[in-house]
Amino acid sequence: MYQRNTMELHLRGIQGEGPWSRGAKHTERIITVSLIWPRPLVASRVAVQTHTFTPDGLDVKDLHWSETILFKENVQGPFGVVVQVSDSMTAQQIARVAGAIGQAVLRAAGSEAARVAVGPGLTALARFPFNFLAGEISNLGNAKVVAAGRASIVSGEQAGSLEIPLVIPEDVVQVRRSTRGGRTRTRRQTLHKAQDPAGIAQLELSYY
């Protein structure tokens, strides 16, 4: 019989070459970390954070404890951890996603199977390729996942640093249009191919 433990999980950074390596020096992205079946009767929990990436990835060493904690959750037996990183988003897009999350939390309140840390946390998050927060948020159309990975853990058996390799869920394509002689030409360039490596998500977990 598995013992129930209280797990604390923190985000420690995202390193390595990924979609954030191209383009602007600083990009705002949404990170979702999901627990899949952390204990009996609880299908999932979801934490959502917004962070600024550089071409080298994400460094959170200067952030406070309250800015890096993802979960303080009871876990029992084996469970999954899913990490997802969104495409670069504007402040307006992030505000829309935040509003959708808030509405979803209100609707999910009171349901043990659907309750989340932040966000709807539906079972679509357990699929691969990964979907970005099911329902209302995915309907916004601006919350595409460009890097994702998963790991399986047995409660109490692994503590300390946890590194999860990330991959590109689907092709990342850049579309460029040019007009010459009254004709518009479209050129598509594949920047990253599906299943290409996309860095490593660095987490830290402890039990008490």
N, C-alpha and C. Protein backbone atom coordinates (compact mmCIF):
# COMPACT_ATOMS: atom_id res chain seq x y z
N MET A 1 0.85 -1.20 0.00
CA MET A 1 0.00 0.00 0.00
C MET A 1 0.89 1.25 0.00
N TYR A 2 0.53 2.20 -0.86
CA TYR A 2 1.30 3.42 -0.96
C TYR A 2 0.92 4.39 0.17
N GLN A 3 1.94 5.07 0.72
CA GLN A 3 1.70 6.07 1.75
C GLN A 3 1.39 7.41 1.10
N ARG A 4 0.48 8.16 1.72
CA ARG A 4 0.16 9.50 1.21
C ARG A 4 1.19 10.50 1.76
N ASN A 5 1.72 11.33 0.86
CA ASN A 5 2.71 12.33 1.22
C ASN A 5 2.26 13.71 0.75
N THR A 6 2.72 14.74 1.42
CA THR A 6 2.54 16.10 0.94
C THR A 6 3.75 16.47 0.12
N MET A 7 3.53 16.79 -1.15
CA MET A 7 4.62 17.12 -2.06
C MET A 7 4.63 18.62 -2.33
N GLU A 8 5.83 19.19 -2.33
CA GLU A 8 6.02 20.58 -2.75
C GLU A 8 6.84 20.56 -4.03
N LEU A 9 6.32 21.20 -5.07
CA LEU A 9 6.98 21.18 -6.38
C LEU A 9 7.24 22.61 -6.84
N HIS A 10 8.50 22.87 -7.21
CA HIS A 10 8.91 24.21 -7.66
C HIS A 10 9.44 24.16 -9.09
N LEU A 11 9.28 25.26 -9.80
CA LEU A 11 9.90 25.46 -11.10
C LEU A 11 11.28 26.05 -10.88
N ARG A 12 12.31 25.42 -11.45
CA ARG A 12 13.68 25.92 -11.30
C ARG A 12 14.27 26.48 -12.58
N GLY A 13 13.59 26.29 -13.69
CA GLY A 13 14.06 26.88 -14.94
C GLY A 13 13.79 26.00 -16.13
N ILE A 14 14.01 26.56 -17.31
CA ILE A 14 13.92 25.81 -18.57
C ILE A 14 15.14 26.19 -19.39
N GLN A 15 15.95 25.20 -19.70
CA GLN A 15 17.22 25.45 -20.36
C GLN A 15 17.30 24.70 -21.68
N GLY A 16 18.19 25.18 -22.56
CA GLY A 16 18.41 24.49 -23.82
C GLY A 16 17.74 25.19 -24.98
N GLU A 17 18.11 24.78 -26.16
CA GLU A 17 17.58 25.41 -27.38
C GLU A 17 16.16 24.95 -27.64
N GLY A 18 15.27 25.92 -27.83
CA GLY A 18 13.87 25.64 -28.13
C GLY A 18 13.32 26.76 -28.99
N PRO A 19 12.01 26.82 -29.17
CA PRO A 19 11.42 27.89 -29.98
C PRO A 19 11.76 29.28 -29.49
N TRP A 20 12.08 29.43 -28.20
CA TRP A 20 12.43 30.74 -27.65
C TRP A 20 13.82 31.20 -28.10
N SER A 21 14.59 30.31 -28.75
CA SER A 21 15.95 30.66 -29.15
C SER A 21 15.98 31.60 -30.36
N ARG A 22 14.88 31.70 -31.05
CA ARG A 22 14.82 32.53 -32.25
C ARG A 22 14.01 33.80 -31.97
N GLY A 23 14.35 34.86 -32.68
CA GLY A 23 13.54 36.07 -32.62
C GLY A 23 13.93 36.99 -31.48
N ALA A 24 12.94 37.54 -30.79
CA ALA A 24 13.14 38.59 -29.80
C ALA A 24 14.00 38.11 -28.63
N LYS A 25 14.68 39.07 -28.00
CA LYS A 25 15.54 38.75 -26.86
C LYS A 25 14.73 38.36 -25.63
N HIS A 26 13.51 38.91 -25.53
CA HIS A 26 12.65 38.58 -24.39
C HIS A 26 11.25 38.29 -24.91
N THR A 27 10.70 37.16 -24.50
CA THR A 27 9.34 36.79 -24.90
C THR A 27 8.55 36.34 -23.68
N GLU A 28 7.29 36.71 -23.64
CA GLU A 28 6.41 36.29 -22.56
C GLU A 28 5.72 34.99 -22.95
N ARG A 29 5.80 33.99 -22.09
CA ARG A 29 5.21 32.69 -22.38
C ARG A 29 4.49 32.15 -21.14
N ILE A 30 3.50 31.33 -21.39
CA ILE A 30 2.76 30.70 -20.31
C ILE A 30 3.26 29.28 -20.13
N ILE A 31 3.54 28.92 -18.89
CA ILE A 31 3.95 27.56 -18.55
C ILE A 31 2.83 26.91 -17.75
N THR A 32 2.43 25.72 -18.16
CA THR A 32 1.48 24.94 -17.36
C THR A 32 2.18 23.66 -16.92
N VAL A 33 2.01 23.35 -15.66
CA VAL A 33 2.52 22.09 -15.10
C VAL A 33 1.33 21.35 -14.52
N SER A 34 1.13 20.12 -14.97
CA SER A 34 -0.04 19.33 -14.57
C SER A 34 0.39 18.08 -13.82
N LEU A 35 -0.33 17.76 -12.77
CA LEU A 35 -0.20 16.48 -12.09
C LEU A 35 -1.32 15.58 -12.59
N ILE A 36 -0.98 14.41 -13.09
CA ILE A 36 -1.96 13.47 -13.62
C ILE A 36 -2.18 12.36 -12.59
N TRP A 37 -3.40 12.26 -12.09
CA TRP A 37 -3.77 11.30 -11.06
C TRP A 37 -2.78 11.33 -9.88
N PRO A 38 -2.67 12.48 -9.20
CA PRO A 38 -1.75 12.56 -8.07
C PRO A 38 -2.16 11.68 -6.89
N ARG A 39 -3.43 11.37 -6.78
CA ARG A 39 -3.92 10.47 -5.73
C ARG A 39 -5.29 9.95 -6.14
N PRO A 40 -5.79 8.91 -5.47
CA PRO A 40 -7.09 8.36 -5.86
C PRO A 40 -8.19 9.43 -5.85
N LEU A 41 -9.08 9.33 -6.86
CA LEU A 41 -10.24 10.20 -7.04
C LEU A 41 -9.90 11.59 -7.55
N VAL A 42 -8.64 11.89 -7.76
CA VAL A 42 -8.24 13.20 -8.27
C VAL A 42 -7.54 12.99 -9.61
N ALA A 43 -8.21 13.34 -10.70
CA ALA A 43 -7.68 13.08 -12.04
C ALA A 43 -6.51 13.99 -12.39
N SER A 44 -6.57 15.24 -11.94
CA SER A 44 -5.50 16.16 -12.33
C SER A 44 -5.51 17.41 -11.47
N ARG A 45 -4.38 18.06 -11.44
CA ARG A 45 -4.19 19.39 -10.89
C ARG A 45 -3.35 20.18 -11.88
N VAL A 46 -3.61 21.45 -12.03
CA VAL A 46 -2.88 22.26 -13.00
C VAL A 46 -2.42 23.57 -12.36
N ALA A 47 -1.14 23.89 -12.53
CA ALA A 47 -0.60 25.18 -12.12
C ALA A 47 -0.21 25.96 -13.38
N VAL A 48 -0.50 27.24 -13.39
CA VAL A 48 -0.22 28.09 -14.56
C VAL A 48 0.62 29.28 -14.12
N GLN A 49 1.72 29.51 -14.81
CA GLN A 49 2.58 30.66 -14.52
C GLN A 49 2.97 31.35 -15.82
N THR A 50 3.21 32.65 -15.74
CA THR A 50 3.70 33.43 -16.88
C THR A 50 5.12 33.88 -16.57
N HIS A 51 6.03 33.65 -17.52
CA HIS A 51 7.43 34.01 -17.30
C HIS A 51 8.03 34.62 -18.57
N THR A 52 9.12 35.36 -18.37
CA THR A 52 9.84 35.98 -19.48
C THR A 52 11.02 35.10 -19.86
N PHE A 53 11.04 34.67 -21.12
CA PHE A 53 12.12 33.83 -21.63
C PHE A 53 13.14 34.69 -22.38
N THR A 54 14.40 34.26 -22.34
CA THR A 54 15.45 34.80 -23.18
C THR A 54 15.81 33.72 -24.20
N PRO A 55 16.69 34.02 -25.16
CA PRO A 55 17.10 32.98 -26.11
C PRO A 55 17.74 31.75 -25.44
N ASP A 56 18.22 31.91 -24.21
CA ASP A 56 18.81 30.78 -23.49
C ASP A 56 17.78 29.97 -22.72
N GLY A 57 16.56 30.47 -22.63
CA GLY A 57 15.51 29.76 -21.89
C GLY A 57 14.97 30.61 -20.75
N LEU A 58 14.74 29.97 -19.60
CA LEU A 58 14.14 30.65 -18.45
C LEU A 58 14.99 30.41 -17.21
N ASP A 59 15.39 31.50 -16.55
CA ASP A 59 16.16 31.42 -15.31
C ASP A 59 15.33 32.08 -14.22
N VAL A 60 15.02 31.32 -13.15
CA VAL A 60 14.16 31.85 -12.10
C VAL A 60 14.90 31.99 -10.77
N LYS A 61 16.22 31.96 -10.79
CA LYS A 61 16.98 31.95 -9.54
C LYS A 61 16.77 33.22 -8.70
N ASP A 62 16.40 34.32 -9.34
CA ASP A 62 16.20 35.56 -8.60
C ASP A 62 14.75 35.77 -8.17
N LEU A 63 13.88 34.80 -8.46
CA LEU A 63 12.47 34.94 -8.08
C LEU A 63 12.25 34.42 -6.67
N HIS A 64 11.20 34.94 -6.04
CA HIS A 64 10.87 34.53 -4.68
C HIS A 64 10.22 33.15 -4.66
N TRP A 65 10.21 32.55 -3.48
CA TRP A 65 9.58 31.25 -3.26
C TRP A 65 8.16 31.23 -3.80
N SER A 66 7.42 32.28 -3.51
CA SER A 66 6.01 32.34 -3.92
C SER A 66 5.83 32.47 -5.42
N GLU A 67 6.90 32.82 -6.16
CA GLU A 67 6.82 32.97 -7.61
C GLU A 67 7.23 31.70 -8.35
N THR A 68 7.83 30.76 -7.64
CA THR A 68 8.28 29.54 -8.32
C THR A 68 7.52 28.30 -7.88
N ILE A 69 6.79 28.37 -6.76
CA ILE A 69 6.08 27.18 -6.31
C ILE A 69 4.93 26.86 -7.26
N LEU A 70 4.81 25.59 -7.58
CA LEU A 70 3.76 25.10 -8.46
C LEU A 70 2.67 24.39 -7.67
N PHE A 71 3.08 23.52 -6.75
CA PHE A 71 2.10 22.74 -5.98
C PHE A 71 2.58 22.54 -4.56
N LYS A 72 1.65 22.47 -3.64
CA LYS A 72 1.81 21.89 -2.32
C LYS A 72 0.61 20.98 -2.19
N GLU A 73 0.80 19.73 -2.59
CA GLU A 73 -0.31 18.83 -2.88
C GLU A 73 -0.09 17.45 -2.26
N ASN A 74 -1.17 16.84 -1.79
CA ASN A 74 -1.09 15.45 -1.33
C ASN A 74 -1.00 14.52 -2.53
N VAL A 75 -0.02 13.61 -2.49
CA VAL A 75 0.16 12.64 -3.57
C VAL A 75 0.26 11.24 -2.96
N GLN A 76 -0.15 10.26 -3.75
CA GLN A 76 -0.13 8.87 -3.27
C GLN A 76 0.06 7.93 -4.44
N GLY A 77 1.11 7.10 -4.38
CA GLY A 77 1.36 6.16 -5.45
C GLY A 77 1.95 6.82 -6.68
N PRO A 78 1.89 6.15 -7.83
CA PRO A 78 2.44 6.73 -9.06
C PRO A 78 1.55 7.84 -9.60
N PHE A 79 2.20 8.86 -10.18
CA PHE A 79 1.47 9.96 -10.83
C PHE A 79 2.34 10.56 -11.92
N GLY A 80 1.73 11.33 -12.80
CA GLY A 80 2.45 11.94 -13.91
C GLY A 80 2.64 13.43 -13.71
N VAL A 81 3.69 13.95 -14.31
CA VAL A 81 3.95 15.40 -14.34
C VAL A 81 4.09 15.81 -15.80
N VAL A 82 3.26 16.74 -16.24
CA VAL A 82 3.28 17.22 -17.62
C VAL A 82 3.63 18.70 -17.63
N VAL A 83 4.64 19.06 -18.42
CA VAL A 83 5.06 20.46 -18.55
C VAL A 83 4.76 20.93 -19.97
N GLN A 84 4.17 22.11 -20.08
CA GLN A 84 3.87 22.69 -21.40
C GLN A 84 4.30 24.15 -21.43
N VAL A 85 4.88 24.57 -22.55
CA VAL A 85 5.30 25.95 -22.74
C VAL A 85 4.59 26.51 -23.95
N SER A 86 3.97 27.66 -23.80
CA SER A 86 3.21 28.25 -24.90
C SER A 86 4.11 29.00 -25.86
N ASP A 87 3.56 29.34 -26.99
CA ASP A 87 4.21 30.23 -27.93
C ASP A 87 4.34 31.61 -27.30
N SER A 88 5.14 32.47 -27.91
CA SER A 88 5.27 33.84 -27.43
C SER A 88 3.91 34.54 -27.49
N MET A 89 3.57 35.27 -26.43
CA MET A 89 2.26 35.91 -26.35
C MET A 89 2.41 37.37 -25.96
N THR A 90 1.50 38.20 -26.47
CA THR A 90 1.49 39.61 -26.09
C THR A 90 0.81 39.75 -24.73
N ALA A 91 0.96 40.92 -24.14
CA ALA A 91 0.33 41.19 -22.85
C ALA A 91 -1.19 41.06 -22.97
N GLN A 92 -1.75 41.49 -24.10
CA GLN A 92 -3.19 41.40 -24.30
C GLN A 92 -3.65 39.95 -24.38
N GLN A 93 -2.89 39.12 -25.08
CA GLN A 93 -3.24 37.71 -25.18
C GLN A 93 -3.17 37.03 -23.82
N ILE A 94 -2.13 37.34 -23.05
CA ILE A 94 -2.00 36.75 -21.72
C ILE A 94 -3.15 37.18 -20.83
N ALA A 95 -3.58 38.44 -20.95
CA ALA A 95 -4.72 38.91 -20.16
C ALA A 95 -5.98 38.14 -20.51
N ARG A 96 -6.18 37.85 -21.79
CA ARG A 96 -7.36 37.08 -22.21
C ARG A 96 -7.32 35.67 -21.64
N VAL A 97 -6.13 35.05 -21.67
CA VAL A 97 -6.01 33.71 -21.12
C VAL A 97 -6.27 33.74 -19.62
N ALA A 98 -5.73 34.73 -18.92
CA ALA A 98 -5.94 34.84 -17.48
C ALA A 98 -7.42 34.98 -17.15
N GLY A 99 -8.14 35.75 -17.97
CA GLY A 99 -9.58 35.89 -17.75
C GLY A 99 -10.31 34.58 -17.95
N ALA A 100 -9.91 33.82 -18.96
CA ALA A 100 -10.54 32.52 -19.22
C ALA A 100 -10.26 31.56 -18.08
N ILE A 101 -9.04 31.60 -17.55
CA ILE A 101 -8.70 30.74 -16.42
C ILE A 101 -9.59 31.06 -15.22
N GLY A 102 -9.74 32.36 -14.96
CA GLY A 102 -10.57 32.76 -13.83
C GLY A 102 -12.00 32.26 -13.94
N GLN A 103 -12.58 32.36 -15.12
CA GLN A 103 -13.94 31.88 -15.32
C GLN A 103 -14.02 30.37 -15.16
N ALA A 104 -13.01 29.65 -15.66
CA ALA A 104 -13.01 28.19 -15.54
C ALA A 104 -12.90 27.76 -14.09
N VAL A 105 -12.11 28.49 -13.30
CA VAL A 105 -11.96 28.15 -11.89
C VAL A 105 -13.30 28.30 -11.17
N LEU A 106 -14.02 29.35 -11.49
CA LEU A 106 -15.33 29.55 -10.85
C LEU A 106 -16.27 28.41 -11.18
N ARG A 107 -16.26 27.95 -12.43
CA ARG A 107 -17.16 26.88 -12.83
C ARG A 107 -16.75 25.54 -12.22
N ALA A 108 -15.43 25.37 -11.99
CA ALA A 108 -14.94 24.09 -11.48
C ALA A 108 -15.04 23.99 -9.96
N ALA A 109 -15.24 25.11 -9.29
CA ALA A 109 -15.24 25.11 -7.82
C ALA A 109 -16.27 24.12 -7.28
N GLY A 110 -15.86 23.38 -6.26
CA GLY A 110 -16.76 22.44 -5.61
C GLY A 110 -16.72 21.04 -6.19
N SER A 111 -16.04 20.86 -7.31
CA SER A 111 -15.94 19.52 -7.90
C SER A 111 -14.55 18.97 -7.64
N GLU A 112 -14.44 17.94 -6.80
CA GLU A 112 -13.12 17.40 -6.43
C GLU A 112 -12.38 16.88 -7.65
N ALA A 113 -13.11 16.29 -8.61
CA ALA A 113 -12.46 15.71 -9.78
C ALA A 113 -11.91 16.78 -10.71
N ALA A 114 -12.49 17.98 -10.68
CA ALA A 114 -12.09 19.02 -11.63
C ALA A 114 -11.31 20.14 -10.97
N ARG A 115 -11.22 20.16 -9.62
CA ARG A 115 -10.58 21.28 -8.95
C ARG A 115 -9.13 21.38 -9.37
N VAL A 116 -8.61 22.61 -9.46
CA VAL A 116 -7.27 22.82 -9.96
C VAL A 116 -6.57 23.86 -9.10
N ALA A 117 -5.24 23.94 -9.25
CA ALA A 117 -4.49 25.00 -8.59
C ALA A 117 -4.81 26.32 -9.28
N VAL A 118 -4.66 26.35 -10.59
CA VAL A 118 -5.09 27.49 -11.42
C VAL A 118 -5.41 26.91 -12.79
N GLY A 119 -6.64 27.02 -13.24
CA GLY A 119 -7.00 26.51 -14.56
C GLY A 119 -7.92 25.32 -14.48
N PRO A 120 -8.52 24.91 -15.60
CA PRO A 120 -9.54 23.87 -15.61
C PRO A 120 -9.02 22.46 -15.38
N GLY A 121 -7.80 22.16 -15.78
CA GLY A 121 -7.20 20.87 -15.47
C GLY A 121 -7.96 19.67 -15.94
N LEU A 122 -8.44 19.66 -17.17
CA LEU A 122 -9.22 18.54 -17.66
C LEU A 122 -8.32 17.44 -18.21
N THR A 123 -8.89 16.29 -18.46
CA THR A 123 -8.08 15.13 -18.84
C THR A 123 -7.42 15.28 -20.21
N ALA A 124 -7.83 16.27 -21.01
CA ALA A 124 -7.16 16.48 -22.30
C ALA A 124 -5.68 16.76 -22.10
N LEU A 125 -5.30 17.24 -20.92
CA LEU A 125 -3.90 17.54 -20.66
C LEU A 125 -3.05 16.29 -20.61
N ALA A 126 -3.66 15.14 -20.45
CA ALA A 126 -2.90 13.89 -20.35
C ALA A 126 -2.57 13.31 -21.70
N ARG A 127 -3.10 13.87 -22.77
CA ARG A 127 -2.87 13.30 -24.10
C ARG A 127 -1.54 13.78 -24.68
N PHE A 128 -1.05 13.05 -25.66
CA PHE A 128 0.14 13.46 -26.39
C PHE A 128 -0.11 13.26 -27.87
N PRO A 129 0.08 14.24 -28.78
CA PRO A 129 0.63 15.55 -28.47
C PRO A 129 -0.23 16.33 -27.48
N PHE A 130 0.41 17.25 -26.75
CA PHE A 130 -0.27 17.94 -25.68
C PHE A 130 -1.20 19.02 -26.21
N ASN A 131 -2.30 19.18 -25.51
CA ASN A 131 -3.21 20.29 -25.78
C ASN A 131 -3.04 21.32 -24.69
N PHE A 132 -3.11 22.57 -25.06
CA PHE A 132 -3.02 23.64 -24.07
C PHE A 132 -4.38 23.79 -23.42
N LEU A 133 -4.42 23.82 -22.10
CA LEU A 133 -5.62 23.90 -21.29
C LEU A 133 -6.91 23.76 -22.08
N ALA A 134 -7.59 22.69 -21.86
CA ALA A 134 -8.79 22.35 -22.63
C ALA A 134 -9.87 23.41 -22.48
N GLY A 135 -10.88 23.30 -23.35
CA GLY A 135 -12.07 24.13 -23.21
C GLY A 135 -11.85 25.57 -23.59
N GLU A 136 -12.20 26.46 -22.66
CA GLU A 136 -12.25 27.89 -22.94
C GLU A 136 -10.91 28.45 -23.42
N ILE A 137 -9.81 28.01 -22.81
CA ILE A 137 -8.53 28.61 -23.13
C ILE A 137 -8.08 28.22 -24.53
N SER A 138 -8.23 26.94 -24.89
CA SER A 138 -7.83 26.52 -26.23
C SER A 138 -8.66 27.20 -27.29
N ASN A 139 -9.89 27.57 -26.95
CA ASN A 139 -10.76 28.25 -27.91
C ASN A 139 -10.28 29.65 -28.24
N LEU A 140 -9.38 30.21 -27.43
CA LEU A 140 -8.87 31.54 -27.72
C LEU A 140 -8.03 31.53 -28.99
N GLY A 141 -7.45 30.37 -29.30
CA GLY A 141 -6.69 30.25 -30.54
C GLY A 141 -5.30 30.82 -30.49
N ASN A 142 -4.90 31.42 -29.36
CA ASN A 142 -3.58 32.05 -29.27
C ASN A 142 -2.68 31.36 -28.26
N ALA A 143 -3.07 30.22 -27.79
CA ALA A 143 -2.33 29.56 -26.72
C ALA A 143 -1.73 28.25 -27.20
N LYS A 144 -1.02 28.31 -28.28
CA LYS A 144 -0.43 27.12 -28.87
C LYS A 144 0.77 26.66 -28.04
N VAL A 145 0.86 25.35 -27.81
CA VAL A 145 1.99 24.77 -27.10
C VAL A 145 3.13 24.51 -28.08
N VAL A 146 4.34 25.01 -27.76
CA VAL A 146 5.47 24.83 -28.66
C VAL A 146 6.55 23.94 -28.05
N ALA A 147 6.41 23.58 -26.78
CA ALA A 147 7.34 22.65 -26.15
C ALA A 147 6.62 21.94 -25.02
N ALA A 148 6.83 20.63 -24.89
CA ALA A 148 6.11 19.87 -23.87
C ALA A 148 6.88 18.61 -23.53
N GLY A 149 6.66 18.12 -22.31
CA GLY A 149 7.29 16.87 -21.89
C GLY A 149 6.57 16.31 -20.68
N ARG A 150 6.87 15.05 -20.35
CA ARG A 150 6.21 14.40 -19.23
C ARG A 150 7.16 13.45 -18.53
N ALA A 151 6.83 13.18 -17.27
CA ALA A 151 7.58 12.20 -16.48
C ALA A 151 6.60 11.48 -15.57
N SER A 152 6.95 10.26 -15.16
CA SER A 152 6.16 9.49 -14.22
C SER A 152 6.95 9.34 -12.92
N ILE A 153 6.26 9.53 -11.79
CA ILE A 153 6.90 9.53 -10.48
C ILE A 153 6.10 8.66 -9.54
N VAL A 154 6.79 8.02 -8.60
CA VAL A 154 6.12 7.31 -7.51
C VAL A 154 6.31 8.13 -6.25
N SER A 155 5.22 8.48 -5.61
CA SER A 155 5.25 9.33 -4.43
C SER A 155 6.23 8.83 -3.38
N GLY A 156 7.10 9.73 -2.93
CA GLY A 156 8.05 9.42 -1.88
C GLY A 156 9.33 8.76 -2.33
N GLU A 157 9.39 8.28 -3.56
CA GLU A 157 10.57 7.55 -4.02
C GLU A 157 11.58 8.44 -4.73
N GLN A 158 11.16 9.62 -5.17
CA GLN A 158 12.08 10.53 -5.85
C GLN A 158 11.92 11.91 -5.26
N ALA A 159 13.03 12.52 -4.86
CA ALA A 159 13.01 13.87 -4.31
C ALA A 159 14.22 14.62 -4.85
N GLY A 160 14.19 15.94 -4.71
CA GLY A 160 15.28 16.76 -5.20
C GLY A 160 15.03 17.22 -6.63
N SER A 161 16.10 17.29 -7.42
CA SER A 161 16.02 17.80 -8.79
C SER A 161 15.30 16.81 -9.71
N LEU A 162 14.42 17.35 -10.55
CA LEU A 162 13.71 16.56 -11.55
C LEU A 162 13.83 17.26 -12.89
N GLU A 163 14.44 16.61 -13.86
CA GLU A 163 14.60 17.19 -15.20
C GLU A 163 13.71 16.44 -16.18
N ILE A 164 12.89 17.20 -16.91
CA ILE A 164 11.96 16.62 -17.88
C ILE A 164 12.34 17.10 -19.28
N PRO A 165 12.80 16.22 -20.17
CA PRO A 165 13.11 16.62 -21.54
C PRO A 165 11.84 17.11 -22.26
N LEU A 166 11.98 18.19 -22.98
CA LEU A 166 10.87 18.76 -23.75
C LEU A 166 11.07 18.47 -25.23
N VAL A 167 9.96 18.33 -25.94
CA VAL A 167 9.99 18.15 -27.39
C VAL A 167 9.00 19.13 -28.03
N ILE A 168 9.14 19.28 -29.34
CA ILE A 168 8.20 20.10 -30.11
C ILE A 168 6.99 19.23 -30.44
N PRO A 169 5.79 19.57 -29.96
CA PRO A 169 4.62 18.71 -30.22
C PRO A 169 4.24 18.63 -31.70
N GLU A 170 4.38 19.73 -32.42
CA GLU A 170 4.04 19.74 -33.85
C GLU A 170 4.91 20.76 -34.55
N ASP A 171 4.99 20.68 -35.88
CA ASP A 171 5.86 21.58 -36.63
C ASP A 171 5.59 23.04 -36.29
N VAL A 172 6.69 23.79 -36.11
CA VAL A 172 6.59 25.23 -35.93
C VAL A 172 6.94 25.88 -37.26
N VAL A 173 5.97 26.51 -37.89
CA VAL A 173 6.13 27.03 -39.26
C VAL A 173 6.02 28.55 -39.26
N GLN A 174 6.93 29.19 -39.96
CA GLN A 174 6.89 30.64 -40.14
C GLN A 174 6.40 30.93 -41.56
N VAL A 175 5.38 31.76 -41.67
CA VAL A 175 4.81 32.11 -42.97
C VAL A 175 5.19 33.55 -43.32
N ARG A 176 5.79 33.73 -44.48
CA ARG A 176 6.17 35.07 -44.93
C ARG A 176 5.48 35.35 -46.26
N ARG A 177 4.95 36.56 -46.36
CA ARG A 177 4.26 36.96 -47.60
C ARG A 177 4.96 38.18 -48.19
N SER A 178 5.11 38.16 -49.50
CA SER A 178 5.71 39.29 -50.22
C SER A 178 4.91 39.57 -51.48
N THR A 179 4.90 40.82 -51.91
CA THR A 179 4.15 41.22 -53.10
C THR A 179 5.10 41.76 -54.15
N ARG A 180 5.05 41.16 -55.31
CA ARG A 180 5.85 41.62 -56.45
C ARG A 180 4.99 41.63 -57.70
N GLY A 181 5.05 42.73 -58.39
CA GLY A 181 4.28 42.83 -59.63
C GLY A 181 2.80 42.62 -59.42
N GLY A 182 2.28 43.01 -58.28
CA GLY A 182 0.86 42.86 -58.00
C GLY A 182 0.46 41.47 -57.55
N ARG A 183 1.42 40.58 -57.43
CA ARG A 183 1.13 39.22 -57.00
C ARG A 183 1.70 38.97 -55.60
N THR A 184 0.91 38.31 -54.79
CA THR A 184 1.34 37.98 -53.43
C THR A 184 1.87 36.56 -53.39
N ARG A 185 3.06 36.45 -52.89
CA ARG A 185 3.68 35.14 -52.78
C ARG A 185 3.81 34.77 -51.30
N THR A 186 3.58 33.50 -51.02
CA THR A 186 3.66 32.99 -49.65
C THR A 186 4.77 31.96 -49.56
N ARG A 187 5.63 32.14 -48.57
CA ARG A 187 6.70 31.18 -48.35
C ARG A 187 6.60 30.65 -46.93
N ARG A 188 6.59 29.34 -46.80
CA ARG A 188 6.50 28.69 -45.50
C ARG A 188 7.85 28.08 -45.15
N GLN A 189 8.35 28.41 -43.97
CA GLN A 189 9.62 27.88 -43.51
C GLN A 189 9.40 27.13 -42.19
N THR A 190 9.80 25.87 -42.15
CA THR A 190 9.66 25.08 -40.93
C THR A 190 10.85 25.37 -40.01
N LEU A 191 10.56 26.02 -38.89
CA LEU A 191 11.61 26.39 -37.95
C LEU A 191 11.98 25.22 -37.04
N HIS A 192 10.97 24.45 -36.64
CA HIS A 192 11.20 23.28 -35.79
C HIS A 192 10.26 22.18 -36.25
N LYS A 193 10.75 20.96 -36.28
CA LYS A 193 9.92 19.82 -36.67
C LYS A 193 9.36 19.11 -35.44
N ALA A 194 8.20 18.49 -35.61
CA ALA A 194 7.57 17.75 -34.53
C ALA A 194 8.54 16.70 -33.98
N GLN A 195 8.58 16.60 -32.67
CA GLN A 195 9.41 15.66 -31.92
C GLN A 195 10.87 16.07 -31.84
N ASP A 196 11.23 17.25 -32.38
CA ASP A 196 12.58 17.76 -32.17
C ASP A 196 12.78 18.09 -30.69
N PRO A 197 13.99 17.91 -30.15
CA PRO A 197 14.25 18.30 -28.76
C PRO A 197 14.02 19.80 -28.57
N ALA A 198 13.54 20.16 -27.39
CA ALA A 198 13.25 21.57 -27.11
C ALA A 198 13.68 21.94 -25.70
N GLY A 199 14.85 21.49 -25.30
CA GLY A 199 15.36 21.87 -24.01
C GLY A 199 14.89 20.96 -22.88
N ILE A 200 15.12 21.41 -21.66
CA ILE A 200 14.82 20.63 -20.47
C ILE A 200 14.13 21.51 -19.44
N ALA A 201 13.02 21.03 -18.89
CA ALA A 201 12.34 21.71 -17.79
C ALA A 201 12.94 21.21 -16.49
N GLN A 202 13.36 22.14 -15.65
CA GLN A 202 13.99 21.80 -14.38
C GLN A 202 13.05 22.09 -13.23
N LEU A 203 12.69 21.05 -12.50
CA LEU A 203 11.79 21.16 -11.36
C LEU A 203 12.52 20.67 -10.12
N GLU A 204 11.94 20.97 -8.97
CA GLU A 204 12.47 20.45 -7.70
C GLU A 204 11.31 20.02 -6.82
N LEU A 205 11.38 18.80 -6.30
CA LEU A 205 10.30 18.32 -5.45
C LEU A 205 10.82 17.85 -4.10
N SER A 206 9.98 18.05 -3.11
CA SER A 206 10.30 17.58 -1.75
C SER A 206 9.02 17.09 -1.10
N TYR A 207 9.16 16.26 -0.07
CA TYR A 207 8.01 15.67 0.62
C TYR A 207 8.10 15.97 2.12
N TYR A 208 6.93 16.07 2.74
CA TYR A 208 6.90 16.21 4.20
C TYR A 208 5.53 15.83 4.71
